Structure formats: C-alpha cells, structure tokens
C-alpha cells in the first residue's frame, strides 16, 4: 500500500523531467524528490525483511572470498571518505554453509556503519579468524566509539543516532545471525574506536538436502 503511491510519485516526476526539461532549476527539485522516494522504498524493504524473514538458503562459501567480493564495491566509498583499509584474513578458512546474500548484507552494513563512525577519515581493519568452534570476522574502526547510553540499544529495532537512519540495519543483522546460529556483538568500544564481531558457528547449519 505504501509502495504504490511512492511509485506513482516517482513516475510522475520522471514524466516532468522529460516534458519540462528546459525549465530552469527543475532538475534540482526532482532529484531531491526521487532520492526521498528511493529512501522511503528502502525503509519499506527493511521493514518487510525484519517482519517477514524467510528461511536461509545455505550453500558452501569461502568467507574470505565473500569479504573480497564485498570490498570490490565498498572500497570506493572507503577511499572517498579517506578511510585506510587493512585486511587481515586468516588463510585456508574452512568453507561455511551459509546464506551468502544474508551474510553479505550483515558485512556491508557493518562496513557502512564504520564509515559513518569515522567522519573525516580513519582506518578500518577487517580480520577473519578461525576459532575452531566459530569463524569470527572483526570490523575494527578508529571512530569515536559508542556512547555508554547507546551501547545496550544498538541492536534494538528503530533505535538510531543518525539523522537519516531507520534504525533497522543492525537489528536485521542480529536477526540474520540468529538464523545462522551465530552472533553479532560489540566486542570493544572506546573513544579510540569500535570493534564489531560476527561469529559464525563451525560446523555451521546443514544444507537443506542433508
């Protein structure tokens, strides 16, 4: 019900852009409208994902390769925000039976959160470690840390300290990790930065045909 009027608004704006393309200053306003419509659609999608989580579709995945594939499209954002990236990937990690798209969503969310925590630049270390029972991935940023009053709410739905945030990214990530029998946590935070840790059990969930 919400997507239909948003779709009509965007389609109308796109028609305006074509019919009144010579109108001075119009593009500036239509761009803002389209951006806000897209933002509304993203919030709706996050709400649906949170309220109606589907069953994970698992397959064998090399976690280091998954991280490398994510960094291909997130590295430009890191560079644009003057953030130095350091990769500390333990070699020869065992394959994990995980829902690749869901875990990718968790990792991307943590990278974007780290970028937002380092206004003006900094350093992000991504470290993968085999801890026998789990494979852990640490996202270590050099931001200003999480305030004590916010620490116990970071995974709460709709809780956000961002002006333009929906407060669902970490909640959905928490839900995804629960589906995998794993954990996501703030393993360290101070005025020197924050470490977010994702732990995926090994052996992981069985595949559906097992």
C-alpha atoms as a PDB file:
ATOM      1  CA  UNK A   1       0.000   0.000   0.000  1.00  0.00           C
ATOM      2  CA  UNK A   2       2.887   2.382   0.638  1.00  0.00           C
ATOM      3  CA  UNK A   3       4.892   1.351  -2.408  1.00  0.00           C
ATOM      4  CA  UNK A   4       2.067   2.127  -4.871  1.00  0.00           C
ATOM      5  CA  UNK A   5       1.802   5.885  -4.148  1.00  0.00           C
ATOM      6  CA  UNK A   6       5.596   6.146  -3.965  1.00  0.00           C
ATOM      7  CA  UNK A   7       5.799   4.528  -7.401  1.00  0.00           C
ATOM      8  CA  UNK A   8       3.243   6.978  -8.784  1.00  0.00           C
ATOM      9  CA  UNK A   9       5.158   9.942  -7.345  1.00  0.00           C
ATOM     10  CA  UNK A  10       8.419   8.772  -8.920  1.00  0.00           C
ATOM     11  CA  UNK A  11       6.812   8.036 -12.287  1.00  0.00           C
ATOM     12  CA  UNK A  12       5.165  11.485 -12.301  1.00  0.00           C
ATOM     13  CA  UNK A  13       8.475  13.172 -11.509  1.00  0.00           C
ATOM     14  CA  UNK A  14      10.178  11.268 -14.332  1.00  0.00           C
ATOM     15  CA  UNK A  15       7.480  12.446 -16.762  1.00  0.00           C
ATOM     16  CA  UNK A  16       8.002  16.021 -15.541  1.00  0.00           C
ATOM     17  CA  UNK A  17      11.739  15.702 -16.146  1.00  0.00           C
ATOM     18  CA  UNK A  18      11.038  14.790 -19.762  1.00  0.00           C
ATOM     19  CA  UNK A  19       8.292  17.294 -20.523  1.00  0.00           C
ATOM     20  CA  UNK A  20       9.810  20.260 -18.664  1.00  0.00           C
ATOM     21  CA  UNK A  21      13.495  19.503 -19.165  1.00  0.00           C
ATOM     22  CA  UNK A  22      14.158  23.076 -20.306  1.00  0.00           C
ATOM     23  CA  UNK A  23      12.672  24.528 -17.118  1.00  0.00           C
ATOM     24  CA  UNK A  24      15.496  26.158 -15.170  1.00  0.00           C
ATOM     25  CA  UNK A  25      16.081  24.651 -11.740  1.00  0.00           C
ATOM     26  CA  UNK A  26      13.560  21.817 -12.150  1.00  0.00           C
ATOM     27  CA  UNK A  27      16.169  19.057 -12.121  1.00  0.00           C
ATOM     28  CA  UNK A  28      17.418  20.169  -8.712  1.00  0.00           C
ATOM     29  CA  UNK A  29      13.980  19.631  -7.158  1.00  0.00           C
ATOM     30  CA  UNK A  30      13.087  16.414  -8.996  1.00  0.00           C
ATOM     31  CA  UNK A  31      16.385  14.881  -7.931  1.00  0.00           C
ATOM     32  CA  UNK A  32      15.543  15.544  -4.277  1.00  0.00           C
ATOM     33  CA  UNK A  33      12.056  14.045  -4.709  1.00  0.00           C
ATOM     34  CA  UNK A  34      13.407  10.884  -6.366  1.00  0.00           C
ATOM     35  CA  UNK A  35      16.080  10.462  -3.706  1.00  0.00           C
ATOM     36  CA  UNK A  36      13.478  10.664  -0.934  1.00  0.00           C
ATOM     37  CA  UNK A  37      11.144   8.252  -2.741  1.00  0.00           C
ATOM     38  CA  UNK A  38      14.030   5.771  -3.036  1.00  0.00           C
ATOM     39  CA  UNK A  39      14.802   6.249   0.647  1.00  0.00           C
ATOM     40  CA  UNK A  40      11.161   5.521   1.509  1.00  0.00           C
ATOM     41  CA  UNK A  41      11.289   2.339  -0.560  1.00  0.00           C
ATOM     42  CA  UNK A  42      14.456   1.232   1.240  1.00  0.00           C
ATOM     43  CA  UNK A  43      12.796   1.713   4.627  1.00  0.00           C
ATOM     44  CA  UNK A  44       9.774  -0.299   3.463  1.00  0.00           C
ATOM     45  CA  UNK A  45      12.057  -3.113   2.292  1.00  0.00           C
ATOM     46  CA  UNK A  46      13.884  -3.110   5.637  1.00  0.00           C
ATOM     47  CA  UNK A  47      10.564  -3.293   7.483  1.00  0.00           C
ATOM     48  CA  UNK A  48       9.432  -6.234   5.343  1.00  0.00           C
ATOM     49  CA  UNK A  49      12.763  -8.030   5.807  1.00  0.00           C
ATOM     50  CA  UNK A  50      12.552  -7.515   9.555  1.00  0.00           C
ATOM     51  CA  UNK A  51       8.906  -8.505   9.905  1.00  0.00           C
ATOM     52  CA  UNK A  52       8.860 -11.423   7.480  1.00  0.00           C
ATOM     53  CA  UNK A  53      12.272 -13.116   7.484  1.00  0.00           C
ATOM     54  CA  UNK A  54      12.428 -16.024   5.052  1.00  0.00           C
ATOM     55  CA  UNK A  55      14.255 -19.296   5.611  1.00  0.00           C
ATOM     56  CA  UNK A  56      18.014 -19.081   4.901  1.00  0.00           C
ATOM     57  CA  UNK A  57      19.189 -20.654   1.639  1.00  0.00           C
ATOM     58  CA  UNK A  58      22.591 -22.060   2.550  1.00  0.00           C
ATOM     59  CA  UNK A  59      25.488 -23.195   0.396  1.00  0.00           C
ATOM     60  CA  UNK A  60      29.251 -23.713   0.934  1.00  0.00           C
ATOM     61  CA  UNK A  61      31.000 -20.325   0.971  1.00  0.00           C
ATOM     62  CA  UNK A  62      34.607 -19.201   1.360  1.00  0.00           C
ATOM     63  CA  UNK A  63      34.268 -16.342   3.839  1.00  0.00           C
ATOM     64  CA  UNK A  64      37.475 -14.587   2.745  1.00  0.00           C
ATOM     65  CA  UNK A  65      36.333 -14.639  -0.887  1.00  0.00           C
ATOM     66  CA  UNK A  66      32.971 -13.245   0.186  1.00  0.00           C
ATOM     67  CA  UNK A  67      34.700 -10.389   2.014  1.00  0.00           C
ATOM     68  CA  UNK A  68      36.886  -9.683  -1.039  1.00  0.00           C
ATOM     69  CA  UNK A  69      33.817  -9.503  -3.290  1.00  0.00           C
ATOM     70  CA  UNK A  70      32.133  -7.050  -0.905  1.00  0.00           C
ATOM     71  CA  UNK A  71      35.225  -4.841  -0.771  1.00  0.00           C
ATOM     72  CA  UNK A  72      35.242  -4.503  -4.567  1.00  0.00           C
ATOM     73  CA  UNK A  73      32.169  -2.247  -4.398  1.00  0.00           C
ATOM     74  CA  UNK A  74      32.640  -0.778  -0.904  1.00  0.00           C
ATOM     75  CA  UNK A  75      36.304   0.205  -1.326  1.00  0.00           C
ATOM     76  CA  UNK A  76      35.443   3.309  -3.417  1.00  0.00           C
ATOM     77  CA  UNK A  77      33.287   4.541  -0.514  1.00  0.00           C
ATOM     78  CA  UNK A  78      36.142   3.923   1.919  1.00  0.00           C
ATOM     79  CA  UNK A  79      38.549   5.824  -0.311  1.00  0.00           C
ATOM     80  CA  UNK A  80      36.078   8.661  -0.841  1.00  0.00           C
ATOM     81  CA  UNK A  81      35.748   9.022   2.934  1.00  0.00           C
ATOM     82  CA  UNK A  82      39.546   8.948   3.420  1.00  0.00           C
ATOM     83  CA  UNK A  83      39.480   5.641   5.247  1.00  0.00           C
ATOM     84  CA  UNK A  84      42.518   3.365   5.083  1.00  0.00           C
ATOM     85  CA  UNK A  85      41.651  -0.318   4.729  1.00  0.00           C
ATOM     86  CA  UNK A  86      43.724  -3.102   6.247  1.00  0.00           C
ATOM     87  CA  UNK A  87      42.810  -6.725   5.527  1.00  0.00           C
ATOM     88  CA  UNK A  88      43.939  -9.404   7.977  1.00  0.00           C
ATOM     89  CA  UNK A  89      42.374 -12.556   6.555  1.00  0.00           C
ATOM     90  CA  UNK A  90      43.429 -15.896   8.029  1.00  0.00           C
ATOM     91  CA  UNK A  91      44.260 -18.156   5.072  1.00  0.00           C
ATOM     92  CA  UNK A  92      42.642 -21.518   4.327  1.00  0.00           C
ATOM     93  CA  UNK A  93      39.469 -20.985   6.324  1.00  0.00           C
ATOM     94  CA  UNK A  94      37.048 -23.933   6.091  1.00  0.00           C
ATOM     95  CA  UNK A  95      34.005 -23.475   3.894  1.00  0.00           C
ATOM     96  CA  UNK A  96      30.846 -22.490   5.742  1.00  0.00           C
ATOM     97  CA  UNK A  97      27.296 -23.445   4.794  1.00  0.00           C
ATOM     98  CA  UNK A  98      25.676 -20.011   4.997  1.00  0.00           C
ATOM     99  CA  UNK A  99      23.133 -17.884   3.216  1.00  0.00           C
ATOM    100  CA  UNK A 100      25.660 -15.861   1.222  1.00  0.00           C
ATOM    101  CA  UNK A 101      23.355 -12.931   0.401  1.00  0.00           C
ATOM    102  CA  UNK A 102      22.226 -12.584   4.012  1.00  0.00           C
ATOM    103  CA  UNK A 103      25.753 -12.678   5.451  1.00  0.00           C
ATOM    104  CA  UNK A 104      26.839 -10.223   2.751  1.00  0.00           C
ATOM    105  CA  UNK A 105      24.080  -7.901   3.994  1.00  0.00           C
ATOM    106  CA  UNK A 106      25.500  -8.108   7.531  1.00  0.00           C
ATOM    107  CA  UNK A 107      29.065  -7.371   6.385  1.00  0.00           C
ATOM    108  CA  UNK A 108      28.039  -4.457   4.150  1.00  0.00           C
ATOM    109  CA  UNK A 109      26.010  -2.945   6.971  1.00  0.00           C
ATOM    110  CA  UNK A 110      28.998  -3.127   9.336  1.00  0.00           C
ATOM    111  CA  UNK A 111      31.302  -1.518   6.769  1.00  0.00           C
ATOM    112  CA  UNK A 112      28.817   1.314   6.150  1.00  0.00           C
ATOM    113  CA  UNK A 113      28.402   1.833   9.899  1.00  0.00           C
ATOM    114  CA  UNK A 114      32.181   2.007  10.273  1.00  0.00           C
ATOM    115  CA  UNK A 115      32.373   4.635   7.521  1.00  0.00           C
ATOM    116  CA  UNK A 116      29.741   6.732   9.278  1.00  0.00           C
ATOM    117  CA  UNK A 117      31.625   6.398  12.569  1.00  0.00           C
ATOM    118  CA  UNK A 118      34.790   7.848  11.038  1.00  0.00           C
ATOM    119  CA  UNK A 119      33.747  11.293   9.888  1.00  0.00           C
ATOM    120  CA  UNK A 120      36.785  12.965   8.386  1.00  0.00           C
ATOM    121  CA  UNK A 121      38.706   9.744   7.778  1.00  0.00           C
ATOM    122  CA  UNK A 122      40.329   6.945   9.735  1.00  0.00           C
ATOM    123  CA  UNK A 123      41.295   3.305   9.485  1.00  0.00           C
ATOM    124  CA  UNK A 124      39.218   0.146   9.132  1.00  0.00           C
ATOM    125  CA  UNK A 125      40.720  -3.261   9.875  1.00  0.00           C
ATOM    126  CA  UNK A 126      38.783  -6.343   8.752  1.00  0.00           C
ATOM    127  CA  UNK A 127      40.115  -9.507  10.359  1.00  0.00           C
ATOM    128  CA  UNK A 128      38.955 -13.108   9.850  1.00  0.00           C
ATOM    129  CA  UNK A 129      39.950 -15.736  12.407  1.00  0.00           C
ATOM    130  CA  UNK A 130      39.274 -19.459  12.796  1.00  0.00           C
ATOM    131  CA  UNK A 131      38.458 -20.086  16.453  1.00  0.00           C
ATOM    132  CA  UNK A 132      37.692 -23.813  15.938  1.00  0.00           C
ATOM    133  CA  UNK A 133      34.088 -23.613  17.160  1.00  0.00           C
ATOM    134  CA  UNK A 134      33.404 -20.419  15.217  1.00  0.00           C
ATOM    135  CA  UNK A 135      34.869 -18.335  12.454  1.00  0.00           C
ATOM    136  CA  UNK A 136      34.964 -14.727  13.602  1.00  0.00           C
ATOM    137  CA  UNK A 137      35.127 -11.608  11.483  1.00  0.00           C
ATOM    138  CA  UNK A 138      36.136  -8.404  13.279  1.00  0.00           C
ATOM    139  CA  UNK A 139      35.412  -4.940  11.904  1.00  0.00           C
ATOM    140  CA  UNK A 140      37.722  -2.561  13.777  1.00  0.00           C
ATOM    141  CA  UNK A 141      37.247   1.160  13.160  1.00  0.00           C
ATOM    142  CA  UNK A 142      39.087   4.186  14.513  1.00  0.00           C
ATOM    143  CA  UNK A 143      35.954   6.241  15.106  1.00  0.00           C
ATOM    144  CA  UNK A 144      34.827   7.994  18.269  1.00  0.00           C
ATOM    145  CA  UNK A 145      33.189   4.899  19.767  1.00  0.00           C
ATOM    146  CA  UNK A 146      29.668   4.196  21.002  1.00  0.00           C
ATOM    147  CA  UNK A 147      28.274   6.240  23.861  1.00  0.00           C
ATOM    148  CA  UNK A 148      27.541   4.204  27.028  1.00  0.00           C
ATOM    149  CA  UNK A 149      23.838   5.119  26.914  1.00  0.00           C
ATOM    150  CA  UNK A 150      23.605   3.805  23.340  1.00  0.00           C
ATOM    151  CA  UNK A 151      25.608   0.602  23.809  1.00  0.00           C
ATOM    152  CA  UNK A 152      22.729  -1.546  25.101  1.00  0.00           C
ATOM    153  CA  UNK A 153      20.384  -0.370  22.333  1.00  0.00           C
ATOM    154  CA  UNK A 154      22.480  -0.774  19.180  1.00  0.00           C
ATOM    155  CA  UNK A 155      20.557  -3.905  18.098  1.00  0.00           C
ATOM    156  CA  UNK A 156      17.112  -2.573  19.078  1.00  0.00           C
ATOM    157  CA  UNK A 157      14.686  -2.051  16.177  1.00  0.00           C
ATOM    158  CA  UNK A 158      14.241   1.614  15.176  1.00  0.00           C
ATOM    159  CA  UNK A 159      16.955   2.809  17.552  1.00  0.00           C
ATOM    160  CA  UNK A 160      19.370   5.094  15.739  1.00  0.00           C
ATOM    161  CA  UNK A 161      21.661   8.015  16.454  1.00  0.00           C
ATOM    162  CA  UNK A 162      21.779   9.000  12.776  1.00  0.00           C
ATOM    163  CA  UNK A 163      19.687  11.844  11.417  1.00  0.00           C
ATOM    164  CA  UNK A 164      18.706   9.854   8.308  1.00  0.00           C
ATOM    165  CA  UNK A 165      18.732   6.318   9.724  1.00  0.00           C
ATOM    166  CA  UNK A 166      15.787   3.938  10.036  1.00  0.00           C
ATOM    167  CA  UNK A 167      17.391   2.064  12.940  1.00  0.00           C
ATOM    168  CA  UNK A 168      16.903  -1.353  11.319  1.00  0.00           C
ATOM    169  CA  UNK A 169      20.325  -2.238   9.863  1.00  0.00           C
ATOM    170  CA  UNK A 170      21.850  -3.761  12.991  1.00  0.00           C
ATOM    171  CA  UNK A 171      18.517  -5.264  14.077  1.00  0.00           C
ATOM    172  CA  UNK A 172      18.230  -7.126  10.777  1.00  0.00           C
ATOM    173  CA  UNK A 173      21.887  -8.154  11.039  1.00  0.00           C
ATOM    174  CA  UNK A 174      21.216  -9.521  14.541  1.00  0.00           C
ATOM    175  CA  UNK A 175      18.239 -11.459  13.197  1.00  0.00           C
ATOM    176  CA  UNK A 176      20.297 -12.878  10.319  1.00  0.00           C
ATOM    177  CA  UNK A 177      22.999 -14.085  12.695  1.00  0.00           C
ATOM    178  CA  UNK A 178      20.390 -15.760  14.901  1.00  0.00           C
ATOM    179  CA  UNK A 179      19.110 -17.621  11.807  1.00  0.00           C
ATOM    180  CA  UNK A 180      22.645 -18.959  11.329  1.00  0.00           C
ATOM    181  CA  UNK A 181      23.053 -19.909  14.984  1.00  0.00           C
ATOM    182  CA  UNK A 182      25.723 -17.233  15.225  1.00  0.00           C
ATOM    183  CA  UNK A 183      26.258 -13.923  16.984  1.00  0.00           C
ATOM    184  CA  UNK A 184      26.962 -10.279  16.262  1.00  0.00           C
ATOM    185  CA  UNK A 185      28.229  -8.115  19.087  1.00  0.00           C
ATOM    186  CA  UNK A 186      30.112  -5.004  20.086  1.00  0.00           C
ATOM    187  CA  UNK A 187      33.287  -6.672  21.325  1.00  0.00           C
ATOM    188  CA  UNK A 188      35.085  -3.415  22.148  1.00  0.00           C
ATOM    189  CA  UNK A 189      34.380   0.311  22.083  1.00  0.00           C
ATOM    190  CA  UNK A 190      36.136   3.414  23.371  1.00  0.00           C
ATOM    191  CA  UNK A 191      36.975   6.930  22.261  1.00  0.00           C
ATOM    192  CA  UNK A 192      39.629   5.316  20.028  1.00  0.00           C
ATOM    193  CA  UNK A 193      37.183   3.230  18.055  1.00  0.00           C
ATOM    194  CA  UNK A 194      34.823   0.265  17.985  1.00  0.00           C
ATOM    195  CA  UNK A 195      35.168  -3.422  17.162  1.00  0.00           C
ATOM    196  CA  UNK A 196      32.103  -5.233  15.855  1.00  0.00           C
ATOM    197  CA  UNK A 197      32.440  -9.011  15.755  1.00  0.00           C
ATOM    198  CA  UNK A 198      30.461 -11.542  13.751  1.00  0.00           C
ATOM    199  CA  UNK A 199      30.762 -15.170  14.889  1.00  0.00           C
ATOM    200  CA  UNK A 200      29.574 -17.969  12.614  1.00  0.00           C
ATOM    201  CA  UNK A 201      29.491 -21.481  14.093  1.00  0.00           C
ATOM    202  CA  UNK A 202      31.675 -24.179  12.617  1.00  0.00           C
ATOM    203  CA  UNK A 203      30.375 -26.698  11.785  1.00  0.00           C
ATOM    204  CA  UNK A 204      27.535 -24.451  10.562  1.00  0.00           C
ATOM    205  CA  UNK A 205      23.925 -25.176   9.625  1.00  0.00           C
ATOM    206  CA  UNK A 206      23.420 -28.255   7.455  1.00  0.00           C
ATOM    207  CA  UNK A 207      22.386 -27.712   3.846  1.00  0.00           C
ATOM    208  CA  UNK A 208      18.705 -28.200   3.035  1.00  0.00           C
ATOM    209  CA  UNK A 209      19.259 -31.505   1.208  1.00  0.00           C
ATOM    210  CA  UNK A 210      21.077 -33.101   4.131  1.00  0.00           C
END
